[in-house]
N, C-alpha and C. Protein backbone atom coordinates (compact mmCIF):
# COMPACT_ATOMS: atom_id res chain seq x y z
N MET A 1 21.43 -3.52 -9.00
CA MET A 1 20.56 -2.38 -9.26
C MET A 1 19.78 -2.07 -7.99
N SER A 2 19.81 -0.83 -7.57
CA SER A 2 19.10 -0.46 -6.35
C SER A 2 17.62 -0.31 -6.65
N GLU A 3 16.82 -0.53 -5.63
CA GLU A 3 15.38 -0.43 -5.78
C GLU A 3 15.00 1.03 -5.99
N PRO A 4 14.04 1.29 -6.88
CA PRO A 4 13.60 2.67 -7.09
C PRO A 4 12.90 3.19 -5.84
N LEU A 5 13.09 4.44 -5.59
CA LEU A 5 12.45 5.07 -4.45
C LEU A 5 11.04 5.50 -4.81
N LEU A 6 10.18 5.48 -3.81
CA LEU A 6 8.83 5.97 -4.03
C LEU A 6 8.90 7.47 -4.34
N PRO A 7 8.00 7.95 -5.19
CA PRO A 7 7.95 9.39 -5.41
C PRO A 7 7.62 10.10 -4.11
N ASP A 8 7.91 11.35 -4.05
CA ASP A 8 7.64 12.18 -2.89
C ASP A 8 6.13 12.28 -2.64
N HIS A 9 5.75 12.26 -1.38
CA HIS A 9 4.34 12.36 -0.97
C HIS A 9 3.69 13.60 -1.58
N ALA A 10 4.38 14.73 -1.52
CA ALA A 10 3.82 15.98 -2.05
C ALA A 10 3.65 15.91 -3.56
N GLU A 11 4.55 15.24 -4.25
CA GLU A 11 4.45 15.09 -5.70
C GLU A 11 3.21 14.27 -6.08
N ILE A 12 2.97 13.20 -5.34
CA ILE A 12 1.78 12.38 -5.59
C ILE A 12 0.52 13.18 -5.25
N ALA A 13 0.56 13.94 -4.16
CA ALA A 13 -0.60 14.76 -3.78
C ALA A 13 -0.94 15.77 -4.88
N ALA A 14 0.07 16.41 -5.44
CA ALA A 14 -0.16 17.38 -6.51
C ALA A 14 -0.76 16.69 -7.74
N GLU A 15 -0.25 15.52 -8.07
CA GLU A 15 -0.77 14.77 -9.22
C GLU A 15 -2.23 14.38 -8.99
N LEU A 16 -2.56 13.92 -7.80
CA LEU A 16 -3.94 13.53 -7.50
C LEU A 16 -4.88 14.73 -7.53
N ARG A 17 -4.39 15.90 -7.05
CA ARG A 17 -5.21 17.11 -7.13
C ARG A 17 -5.46 17.49 -8.59
N SER A 18 -4.43 17.39 -9.43
CA SER A 18 -4.59 17.77 -10.84
C SER A 18 -5.58 16.84 -11.55
N LEU A 19 -5.66 15.60 -11.10
CA LEU A 19 -6.60 14.64 -11.69
C LEU A 19 -7.98 14.68 -11.02
N GLU A 20 -8.09 15.51 -9.98
CA GLU A 20 -9.31 15.61 -9.19
C GLU A 20 -9.75 14.23 -8.72
N ALA A 21 -8.77 13.48 -8.22
CA ALA A 21 -9.01 12.09 -7.81
C ALA A 21 -9.69 11.97 -6.45
N GLY A 22 -9.64 13.00 -5.63
CA GLY A 22 -10.29 12.95 -4.33
C GLY A 22 -9.72 11.91 -3.39
N LEU A 23 -8.42 11.70 -3.48
CA LEU A 23 -7.75 10.65 -2.71
C LEU A 23 -6.43 11.20 -2.20
N GLU A 24 -6.06 10.79 -1.02
CA GLU A 24 -4.77 11.18 -0.46
C GLU A 24 -3.69 10.22 -0.96
N PRO A 25 -2.44 10.68 -1.06
CA PRO A 25 -1.36 9.81 -1.54
C PRO A 25 -1.22 8.51 -0.75
N SER A 26 -1.34 8.59 0.56
CA SER A 26 -1.19 7.38 1.38
C SER A 26 -2.28 6.37 1.06
N GLU A 27 -3.50 6.83 0.89
CA GLU A 27 -4.60 5.91 0.59
C GLU A 27 -4.41 5.29 -0.79
N LEU A 28 -3.97 6.08 -1.77
CA LEU A 28 -3.73 5.53 -3.10
C LEU A 28 -2.62 4.48 -3.05
N HIS A 29 -1.54 4.77 -2.35
CA HIS A 29 -0.45 3.80 -2.26
C HIS A 29 -0.92 2.54 -1.55
N GLY A 30 -1.69 2.70 -0.48
CA GLY A 30 -2.25 1.53 0.19
C GLY A 30 -3.13 0.71 -0.74
N SER A 31 -3.96 1.39 -1.54
CA SER A 31 -4.83 0.69 -2.49
C SER A 31 -4.02 -0.07 -3.53
N LEU A 32 -3.01 0.58 -4.06
CA LEU A 32 -2.14 -0.07 -5.05
C LEU A 32 -1.45 -1.28 -4.44
N CYS A 33 -0.89 -1.13 -3.26
CA CYS A 33 -0.18 -2.25 -2.61
C CYS A 33 -1.13 -3.37 -2.23
N GLY A 34 -2.34 -3.03 -1.80
CA GLY A 34 -3.34 -4.05 -1.50
C GLY A 34 -3.73 -4.81 -2.75
N TYR A 35 -3.94 -4.09 -3.83
CA TYR A 35 -4.30 -4.71 -5.10
C TYR A 35 -3.20 -5.66 -5.57
N LEU A 36 -1.96 -5.19 -5.52
CA LEU A 36 -0.84 -6.04 -5.95
C LEU A 36 -0.64 -7.21 -5.00
N SER A 37 -0.80 -6.99 -3.70
CA SER A 37 -0.59 -8.05 -2.71
C SER A 37 -1.70 -9.09 -2.76
N GLY A 38 -2.87 -8.69 -3.21
CA GLY A 38 -3.98 -9.62 -3.32
C GLY A 38 -3.98 -10.40 -4.62
N GLY A 39 -2.97 -10.17 -5.44
CA GLY A 39 -2.87 -10.91 -6.70
C GLY A 39 -3.45 -10.17 -7.89
N GLY A 40 -3.67 -8.86 -7.74
CA GLY A 40 -4.19 -8.07 -8.86
C GLY A 40 -3.24 -8.08 -10.05
N LYS A 41 -3.80 -7.87 -11.20
CA LYS A 41 -3.05 -7.91 -12.45
C LYS A 41 -1.97 -6.81 -12.47
N HIS A 42 -0.76 -7.23 -12.74
CA HIS A 42 0.35 -6.28 -12.88
C HIS A 42 0.28 -5.68 -14.28
N ASP A 43 -0.21 -4.47 -14.37
CA ASP A 43 -0.32 -3.81 -15.65
C ASP A 43 -0.08 -2.32 -15.46
N ARG A 44 1.05 -1.89 -15.93
CA ARG A 44 1.48 -0.51 -15.76
C ARG A 44 0.47 0.48 -16.36
N ARG A 45 -0.25 0.08 -17.38
CA ARG A 45 -1.17 0.99 -18.06
C ARG A 45 -2.55 1.05 -17.41
N THR A 46 -2.98 -0.03 -16.76
CA THR A 46 -4.37 -0.06 -16.27
C THR A 46 -4.51 -0.07 -14.75
N TRP A 47 -3.40 -0.13 -14.01
CA TRP A 47 -3.51 -0.27 -12.56
C TRP A 47 -4.32 0.85 -11.93
N PHE A 48 -4.13 2.09 -12.39
CA PHE A 48 -4.81 3.22 -11.77
C PHE A 48 -6.32 3.09 -11.93
N ALA A 49 -6.78 2.75 -13.12
CA ALA A 49 -8.21 2.56 -13.37
C ALA A 49 -8.75 1.40 -12.53
N GLN A 50 -7.96 0.32 -12.41
CA GLN A 50 -8.37 -0.82 -11.60
C GLN A 50 -8.52 -0.43 -10.13
N VAL A 51 -7.51 0.21 -9.60
CA VAL A 51 -7.50 0.57 -8.17
C VAL A 51 -8.59 1.60 -7.87
N MET A 52 -8.83 2.50 -8.81
CA MET A 52 -9.85 3.53 -8.60
C MET A 52 -11.25 3.03 -8.98
N SER A 53 -11.34 1.79 -9.48
CA SER A 53 -12.62 1.19 -9.91
C SER A 53 -13.34 2.07 -10.92
N ASP A 54 -12.55 2.61 -11.86
CA ASP A 54 -13.10 3.46 -12.91
C ASP A 54 -12.41 3.11 -14.23
N PRO A 55 -13.02 2.22 -15.02
CA PRO A 55 -12.38 1.78 -16.26
C PRO A 55 -12.16 2.89 -17.29
N LEU A 56 -12.78 4.04 -17.08
CA LEU A 56 -12.62 5.14 -18.03
C LEU A 56 -11.40 6.02 -17.75
N LEU A 57 -10.74 5.79 -16.62
CA LEU A 57 -9.55 6.58 -16.30
C LEU A 57 -8.42 6.25 -17.26
N SER A 58 -7.71 7.27 -17.66
CA SER A 58 -6.56 7.09 -18.55
C SER A 58 -5.39 6.50 -17.78
N ALA A 59 -4.50 5.89 -18.54
CA ALA A 59 -3.27 5.35 -17.96
C ALA A 59 -2.43 6.50 -17.41
N PRO A 60 -1.73 6.26 -16.31
CA PRO A 60 -0.82 7.30 -15.80
C PRO A 60 0.23 7.65 -16.86
N GLU A 61 0.62 8.91 -16.86
CA GLU A 61 1.65 9.37 -17.79
C GLU A 61 2.95 8.59 -17.57
N THR A 62 3.52 8.08 -18.64
CA THR A 62 4.78 7.33 -18.54
C THR A 62 5.84 8.20 -17.87
N ASP A 63 6.49 7.64 -16.87
CA ASP A 63 7.52 8.30 -16.07
C ASP A 63 6.98 9.45 -15.21
N GLY A 64 5.67 9.60 -15.17
CA GLY A 64 5.06 10.60 -14.29
C GLY A 64 5.02 10.06 -12.86
N PRO A 65 4.56 10.86 -11.91
CA PRO A 65 4.55 10.44 -10.50
C PRO A 65 3.79 9.15 -10.24
N LEU A 66 2.62 8.96 -10.86
CA LEU A 66 1.84 7.75 -10.61
C LEU A 66 2.49 6.53 -11.24
N ASP A 67 3.09 6.71 -12.39
CA ASP A 67 3.82 5.61 -13.04
C ASP A 67 5.01 5.20 -12.18
N ARG A 68 5.73 6.17 -11.67
CA ARG A 68 6.88 5.86 -10.81
C ARG A 68 6.43 5.22 -9.50
N LEU A 69 5.27 5.63 -8.99
CA LEU A 69 4.72 5.01 -7.78
C LEU A 69 4.45 3.53 -8.04
N TYR A 70 3.86 3.23 -9.18
CA TYR A 70 3.58 1.84 -9.54
C TYR A 70 4.88 1.05 -9.68
N LEU A 71 5.83 1.57 -10.42
CA LEU A 71 7.09 0.85 -10.65
C LEU A 71 7.84 0.60 -9.34
N ALA A 72 7.93 1.62 -8.50
CA ALA A 72 8.64 1.46 -7.22
C ALA A 72 7.91 0.46 -6.32
N SER A 73 6.60 0.54 -6.28
CA SER A 73 5.82 -0.34 -5.41
C SER A 73 5.95 -1.79 -5.85
N THR A 74 5.82 -2.05 -7.15
CA THR A 74 5.93 -3.43 -7.62
C THR A 74 7.31 -3.98 -7.35
N ARG A 75 8.32 -3.20 -7.60
CA ARG A 75 9.69 -3.68 -7.37
C ARG A 75 9.97 -3.89 -5.88
N GLN A 76 9.48 -3.00 -5.05
CA GLN A 76 9.71 -3.16 -3.62
C GLN A 76 8.98 -4.38 -3.07
N LEU A 77 7.76 -4.61 -3.51
CA LEU A 77 7.02 -5.78 -3.04
C LEU A 77 7.69 -7.07 -3.48
N GLU A 78 8.32 -7.06 -4.64
CA GLU A 78 8.99 -8.25 -5.17
C GLU A 78 10.41 -8.41 -4.65
N SER A 79 10.94 -7.40 -3.97
CA SER A 79 12.33 -7.41 -3.54
C SER A 79 12.59 -8.48 -2.47
N PRO A 80 13.63 -9.28 -2.66
CA PRO A 80 13.98 -10.26 -1.63
C PRO A 80 14.66 -9.60 -0.42
N ASP A 81 14.96 -8.32 -0.52
CA ASP A 81 15.67 -7.60 0.55
C ASP A 81 14.73 -6.87 1.50
N PHE A 82 13.43 -7.09 1.36
CA PHE A 82 12.43 -6.49 2.26
C PHE A 82 12.54 -4.97 2.30
N GLU A 83 12.73 -4.36 1.14
CA GLU A 83 12.89 -2.91 1.06
C GLU A 83 11.57 -2.18 0.91
N PHE A 84 10.47 -2.89 1.04
CA PHE A 84 9.16 -2.28 0.88
C PHE A 84 8.96 -1.18 1.91
N GLU A 85 8.39 -0.06 1.46
CA GLU A 85 8.10 1.03 2.38
C GLU A 85 6.71 1.60 2.10
N LEU A 86 6.14 2.21 3.12
CA LEU A 86 4.82 2.83 3.01
C LEU A 86 4.98 4.28 2.60
N LEU A 87 4.11 4.77 1.74
CA LEU A 87 4.11 6.19 1.39
C LEU A 87 3.20 6.91 2.38
N LEU A 88 3.83 7.54 3.35
CA LEU A 88 3.12 8.28 4.38
C LEU A 88 3.57 9.74 4.35
N PRO A 89 2.82 10.63 5.01
CA PRO A 89 3.29 12.02 5.08
C PRO A 89 4.72 12.06 5.64
N PRO A 90 5.50 13.04 5.20
CA PRO A 90 6.91 13.09 5.60
C PRO A 90 7.12 13.30 7.10
N GLU A 91 8.30 12.92 7.55
CA GLU A 91 8.67 12.98 8.98
C GLU A 91 8.52 14.38 9.58
N ASP A 92 8.62 15.43 8.77
CA ASP A 92 8.54 16.78 9.32
C ASP A 92 7.10 17.23 9.57
N ARG A 93 6.14 16.40 9.21
CA ARG A 93 4.73 16.70 9.46
C ARG A 93 4.37 16.25 10.88
N PRO A 94 3.33 16.83 11.47
CA PRO A 94 2.93 16.43 12.83
C PRO A 94 2.58 14.94 12.90
N VAL A 95 2.80 14.35 14.05
CA VAL A 95 2.52 12.93 14.24
C VAL A 95 1.04 12.63 13.96
N SER A 96 0.16 13.56 14.26
CA SER A 96 -1.27 13.34 14.00
C SER A 96 -1.53 13.19 12.50
N GLU A 97 -0.88 13.99 11.69
CA GLU A 97 -1.05 13.89 10.23
C GLU A 97 -0.47 12.58 9.70
N ARG A 98 0.67 12.19 10.24
CA ARG A 98 1.29 10.92 9.81
C ARG A 98 0.46 9.74 10.28
N GLY A 99 -0.10 9.81 11.49
CA GLY A 99 -0.96 8.75 11.99
C GLY A 99 -2.22 8.61 11.15
N ASP A 100 -2.82 9.74 10.81
CA ASP A 100 -4.00 9.71 9.94
C ASP A 100 -3.63 9.16 8.57
N GLY A 101 -2.43 9.47 8.09
CA GLY A 101 -1.95 8.92 6.82
C GLY A 101 -1.82 7.41 6.88
N LEU A 102 -1.34 6.90 8.02
CA LEU A 102 -1.21 5.45 8.18
C LEU A 102 -2.58 4.77 8.18
N LEU A 103 -3.56 5.38 8.83
CA LEU A 103 -4.91 4.81 8.83
C LEU A 103 -5.49 4.82 7.41
N ALA A 104 -5.28 5.92 6.68
CA ALA A 104 -5.76 6.00 5.29
C ALA A 104 -5.04 4.97 4.43
N TRP A 105 -3.75 4.77 4.66
CA TRP A 105 -2.99 3.76 3.92
C TRP A 105 -3.62 2.39 4.16
N GLY A 106 -3.92 2.10 5.42
CA GLY A 106 -4.53 0.82 5.77
C GLY A 106 -5.89 0.62 5.14
N ARG A 107 -6.73 1.65 5.15
CA ARG A 107 -8.05 1.54 4.52
C ARG A 107 -7.90 1.29 3.02
N GLY A 108 -6.96 2.02 2.41
CA GLY A 108 -6.71 1.80 0.99
C GLY A 108 -6.24 0.39 0.71
N PHE A 109 -5.33 -0.10 1.56
CA PHE A 109 -4.80 -1.45 1.38
C PHE A 109 -5.93 -2.47 1.44
N LEU A 110 -6.79 -2.36 2.43
CA LEU A 110 -7.88 -3.33 2.58
C LEU A 110 -8.80 -3.31 1.37
N GLY A 111 -9.10 -2.13 0.85
CA GLY A 111 -9.95 -2.04 -0.34
C GLY A 111 -9.29 -2.66 -1.56
N GLY A 112 -8.02 -2.32 -1.78
CA GLY A 112 -7.30 -2.88 -2.92
C GLY A 112 -7.11 -4.38 -2.81
N PHE A 113 -6.83 -4.85 -1.60
CA PHE A 113 -6.63 -6.28 -1.37
C PHE A 113 -7.93 -7.03 -1.64
N GLY A 114 -9.03 -6.53 -1.11
CA GLY A 114 -10.33 -7.17 -1.34
C GLY A 114 -10.71 -7.18 -2.80
N LEU A 115 -10.40 -6.10 -3.50
CA LEU A 115 -10.68 -6.01 -4.93
C LEU A 115 -9.97 -7.12 -5.70
N ALA A 116 -8.72 -7.36 -5.36
CA ALA A 116 -7.91 -8.34 -6.09
C ALA A 116 -8.09 -9.76 -5.57
N ALA A 117 -8.14 -9.92 -4.26
CA ALA A 117 -8.12 -11.27 -3.67
C ALA A 117 -9.51 -11.87 -3.50
N GLY A 118 -10.53 -11.04 -3.48
CA GLY A 118 -11.88 -11.55 -3.27
C GLY A 118 -12.18 -11.77 -1.80
N ALA A 119 -13.33 -12.37 -1.54
CA ALA A 119 -13.81 -12.51 -0.17
C ALA A 119 -13.08 -13.56 0.64
N LYS A 120 -12.61 -14.61 0.01
CA LYS A 120 -11.97 -15.72 0.73
C LYS A 120 -10.62 -16.09 0.10
N PRO A 121 -9.62 -15.21 0.23
CA PRO A 121 -8.32 -15.56 -0.36
C PRO A 121 -7.66 -16.71 0.39
N PRO A 122 -6.84 -17.48 -0.29
CA PRO A 122 -6.15 -18.61 0.37
C PRO A 122 -4.98 -18.11 1.21
N LEU A 123 -5.25 -17.87 2.49
CA LEU A 123 -4.25 -17.30 3.37
C LEU A 123 -3.81 -18.29 4.44
N SER A 124 -2.55 -18.17 4.82
CA SER A 124 -2.06 -18.93 5.97
C SER A 124 -2.71 -18.36 7.23
N GLU A 125 -2.61 -19.09 8.31
CA GLU A 125 -3.16 -18.60 9.57
C GLU A 125 -2.51 -17.28 9.98
N GLU A 126 -1.20 -17.17 9.78
CA GLU A 126 -0.49 -15.92 10.10
C GLU A 126 -1.02 -14.76 9.27
N SER A 127 -1.26 -15.00 7.99
CA SER A 127 -1.76 -13.94 7.12
C SER A 127 -3.19 -13.56 7.48
N GLU A 128 -4.00 -14.54 7.84
CA GLU A 128 -5.37 -14.22 8.28
C GLU A 128 -5.34 -13.31 9.50
N GLU A 129 -4.46 -13.61 10.44
CA GLU A 129 -4.32 -12.77 11.64
C GLU A 129 -3.80 -11.39 11.27
N ALA A 130 -2.83 -11.33 10.37
CA ALA A 130 -2.27 -10.05 9.94
C ALA A 130 -3.33 -9.20 9.26
N LEU A 131 -4.15 -9.81 8.42
CA LEU A 131 -5.22 -9.09 7.73
C LEU A 131 -6.24 -8.56 8.73
N ALA A 132 -6.60 -9.38 9.70
CA ALA A 132 -7.53 -8.93 10.74
C ALA A 132 -6.93 -7.78 11.55
N ASP A 133 -5.64 -7.87 11.86
CA ASP A 133 -4.97 -6.78 12.58
C ASP A 133 -4.94 -5.51 11.75
N LEU A 134 -4.69 -5.64 10.45
CA LEU A 134 -4.70 -4.47 9.57
C LEU A 134 -6.08 -3.81 9.56
N ALA A 135 -7.12 -4.63 9.55
CA ALA A 135 -8.48 -4.08 9.58
C ALA A 135 -8.74 -3.33 10.89
N ARG A 136 -8.26 -3.87 12.00
CA ARG A 136 -8.43 -3.18 13.29
C ARG A 136 -7.65 -1.87 13.30
N ILE A 137 -6.45 -1.89 12.77
CA ILE A 137 -5.64 -0.66 12.72
C ILE A 137 -6.33 0.38 11.85
N ALA A 138 -6.79 -0.01 10.68
CA ALA A 138 -7.44 0.93 9.76
C ALA A 138 -8.71 1.53 10.34
N ALA A 139 -9.38 0.78 11.22
CA ALA A 139 -10.62 1.26 11.83
C ALA A 139 -10.39 2.01 13.13
N SER A 140 -9.15 2.18 13.50
CA SER A 140 -8.81 2.83 14.78
C SER A 140 -9.18 4.31 14.78
N ASP A 141 -9.43 4.80 15.98
CA ASP A 141 -9.63 6.22 16.20
C ASP A 141 -8.48 6.66 17.09
N LEU A 142 -7.56 7.42 16.53
CA LEU A 142 -6.35 7.77 17.26
C LEU A 142 -6.53 9.02 18.10
N SER A 143 -5.84 9.05 19.22
CA SER A 143 -5.75 10.27 20.02
C SER A 143 -4.27 10.54 20.24
N TYR A 144 -3.93 11.78 20.30
CA TYR A 144 -2.52 12.17 20.41
C TYR A 144 -2.35 12.99 21.68
N GLU A 145 -1.66 12.39 22.65
CA GLU A 145 -1.52 13.05 23.94
C GLU A 145 -0.08 13.19 24.38
N ASP A 146 0.78 12.28 23.99
CA ASP A 146 2.18 12.28 24.41
C ASP A 146 3.05 12.19 23.16
N PRO A 147 3.56 13.32 22.68
CA PRO A 147 4.28 13.33 21.40
C PRO A 147 5.38 12.28 21.28
N GLU A 148 6.17 12.08 22.32
CA GLU A 148 7.26 11.10 22.22
C GLU A 148 6.71 9.67 22.13
N ALA A 149 5.75 9.35 22.97
CA ALA A 149 5.14 8.01 22.93
C ALA A 149 4.37 7.81 21.63
N ASP A 150 3.72 8.88 21.15
CA ASP A 150 2.98 8.79 19.89
C ASP A 150 3.92 8.51 18.72
N GLU A 151 5.08 9.14 18.72
CA GLU A 151 6.08 8.90 17.67
C GLU A 151 6.53 7.43 17.68
N ASP A 152 6.82 6.94 18.88
CA ASP A 152 7.25 5.54 19.01
C ASP A 152 6.17 4.58 18.56
N ALA A 153 4.94 4.85 18.96
CA ALA A 153 3.82 3.98 18.59
C ALA A 153 3.60 4.00 17.08
N LEU A 154 3.69 5.18 16.48
CA LEU A 154 3.50 5.28 15.03
C LEU A 154 4.58 4.49 14.29
N GLU A 155 5.80 4.58 14.76
CA GLU A 155 6.89 3.84 14.13
C GLU A 155 6.66 2.33 14.26
N GLU A 156 6.25 1.90 15.44
CA GLU A 156 6.01 0.48 15.68
C GLU A 156 4.85 -0.06 14.84
N VAL A 157 3.76 0.68 14.78
CA VAL A 157 2.60 0.23 14.01
C VAL A 157 2.92 0.26 12.52
N SER A 158 3.64 1.27 12.06
CA SER A 158 4.04 1.34 10.65
C SER A 158 4.88 0.14 10.27
N GLU A 159 5.79 -0.26 11.14
CA GLU A 159 6.62 -1.42 10.85
C GLU A 159 5.78 -2.70 10.83
N PHE A 160 4.83 -2.80 11.74
CA PHE A 160 3.94 -3.96 11.73
C PHE A 160 3.18 -4.03 10.41
N VAL A 161 2.63 -2.90 9.97
CA VAL A 161 1.88 -2.86 8.71
C VAL A 161 2.78 -3.27 7.56
N ARG A 162 3.97 -2.75 7.51
CA ARG A 162 4.92 -3.07 6.45
C ARG A 162 5.18 -4.58 6.37
N VAL A 163 5.43 -5.19 7.50
CA VAL A 163 5.70 -6.63 7.55
C VAL A 163 4.44 -7.43 7.20
N ALA A 164 3.29 -7.00 7.68
CA ALA A 164 2.04 -7.69 7.37
C ALA A 164 1.77 -7.67 5.87
N VAL A 165 2.05 -6.56 5.23
CA VAL A 165 1.84 -6.46 3.78
C VAL A 165 2.76 -7.43 3.05
N MET A 166 4.00 -7.51 3.45
CA MET A 166 4.92 -8.44 2.80
C MET A 166 4.47 -9.89 3.01
N LEU A 167 3.94 -10.20 4.18
CA LEU A 167 3.43 -11.54 4.45
C LEU A 167 2.23 -11.87 3.55
N LEU A 168 1.30 -10.93 3.44
CA LEU A 168 0.13 -11.15 2.58
C LEU A 168 0.54 -11.27 1.12
N HIS A 169 1.45 -10.44 0.68
CA HIS A 169 1.95 -10.52 -0.70
C HIS A 169 2.60 -11.88 -0.93
N SER A 170 3.32 -12.34 0.05
CA SER A 170 3.98 -13.65 -0.08
C SER A 170 2.95 -14.76 -0.23
N ASP A 171 1.91 -14.75 0.60
CA ASP A 171 0.88 -15.78 0.54
C ASP A 171 0.10 -15.76 -0.78
N CYS A 172 -0.28 -14.58 -1.22
CA CYS A 172 -1.18 -14.47 -2.37
C CYS A 172 -0.48 -14.39 -3.72
N VAL A 173 0.77 -13.96 -3.73
CA VAL A 173 1.46 -13.75 -5.01
C VAL A 173 2.69 -14.64 -5.14
N LEU A 174 3.59 -14.53 -4.19
CA LEU A 174 4.85 -15.27 -4.31
C LEU A 174 4.65 -16.77 -4.13
N GLY A 175 3.84 -17.17 -3.16
CA GLY A 175 3.61 -18.59 -2.92
C GLY A 175 3.01 -19.30 -4.12
N PRO A 176 1.90 -18.79 -4.67
CA PRO A 176 1.32 -19.44 -5.85
C PRO A 176 2.29 -19.44 -7.04
N ARG A 177 3.05 -18.37 -7.20
CA ARG A 177 4.02 -18.32 -8.30
C ARG A 177 5.07 -19.41 -8.12
N HIS A 178 5.52 -19.59 -6.89
CA HIS A 178 6.53 -20.61 -6.59
C HIS A 178 5.95 -22.00 -6.84
N ARG A 179 4.69 -22.23 -6.41
CA ARG A 179 4.06 -23.53 -6.61
C ARG A 179 3.92 -23.85 -8.09
N ARG A 180 3.59 -22.83 -8.91
CA ARG A 180 3.46 -23.05 -10.35
C ARG A 180 4.82 -23.45 -10.96
N LYS A 181 5.91 -22.88 -10.47
CA LYS A 181 7.23 -23.21 -10.98
C LYS A 181 7.61 -24.64 -10.64
N LEU A 182 7.13 -25.15 -9.50
CA LEU A 182 7.47 -26.51 -9.07
C LEU A 182 6.71 -27.56 -9.84
N ASN A 183 5.55 -27.21 -10.38
CA ASN A 183 4.71 -28.19 -11.09
C ASN A 183 5.05 -28.31 -12.54
């Protein structure tokens, strides 16, 4: 069975506008992935309220864009094939918009991760470094001067973020799950 694809960025943006959520798709996806990677409760009905820190929010519509975002994200994070991907503005958008989307994704990830993992999660040294690097990336102030170099840098940083997320998910979710199976 192939991994489900993330919903389209524009589809998530339209859904968030209709809900008056005040959040960009990249930031929401980062928040969801941070929450899941930090060990947050896997619950298809309550994840949106958890990530948005609003217990009064309704569950996403079954098979709607947010529900599909959750399903694709959880399956990709759990995939042994490293098929996890970031929901960023599409390739046809300017590099500045995609770079800003990556920073928003990172800020969302850090918030969701902190929400689920708490202040002192049990991380390996590599994961601690990756988390610190993610925080530096999310706090960056980007300038765009050389379109070709900017494209290359965005691709490289996006790949670093993707791998860092998988490492953190492994430390906080997969590792403890594996240890429980051994005991």
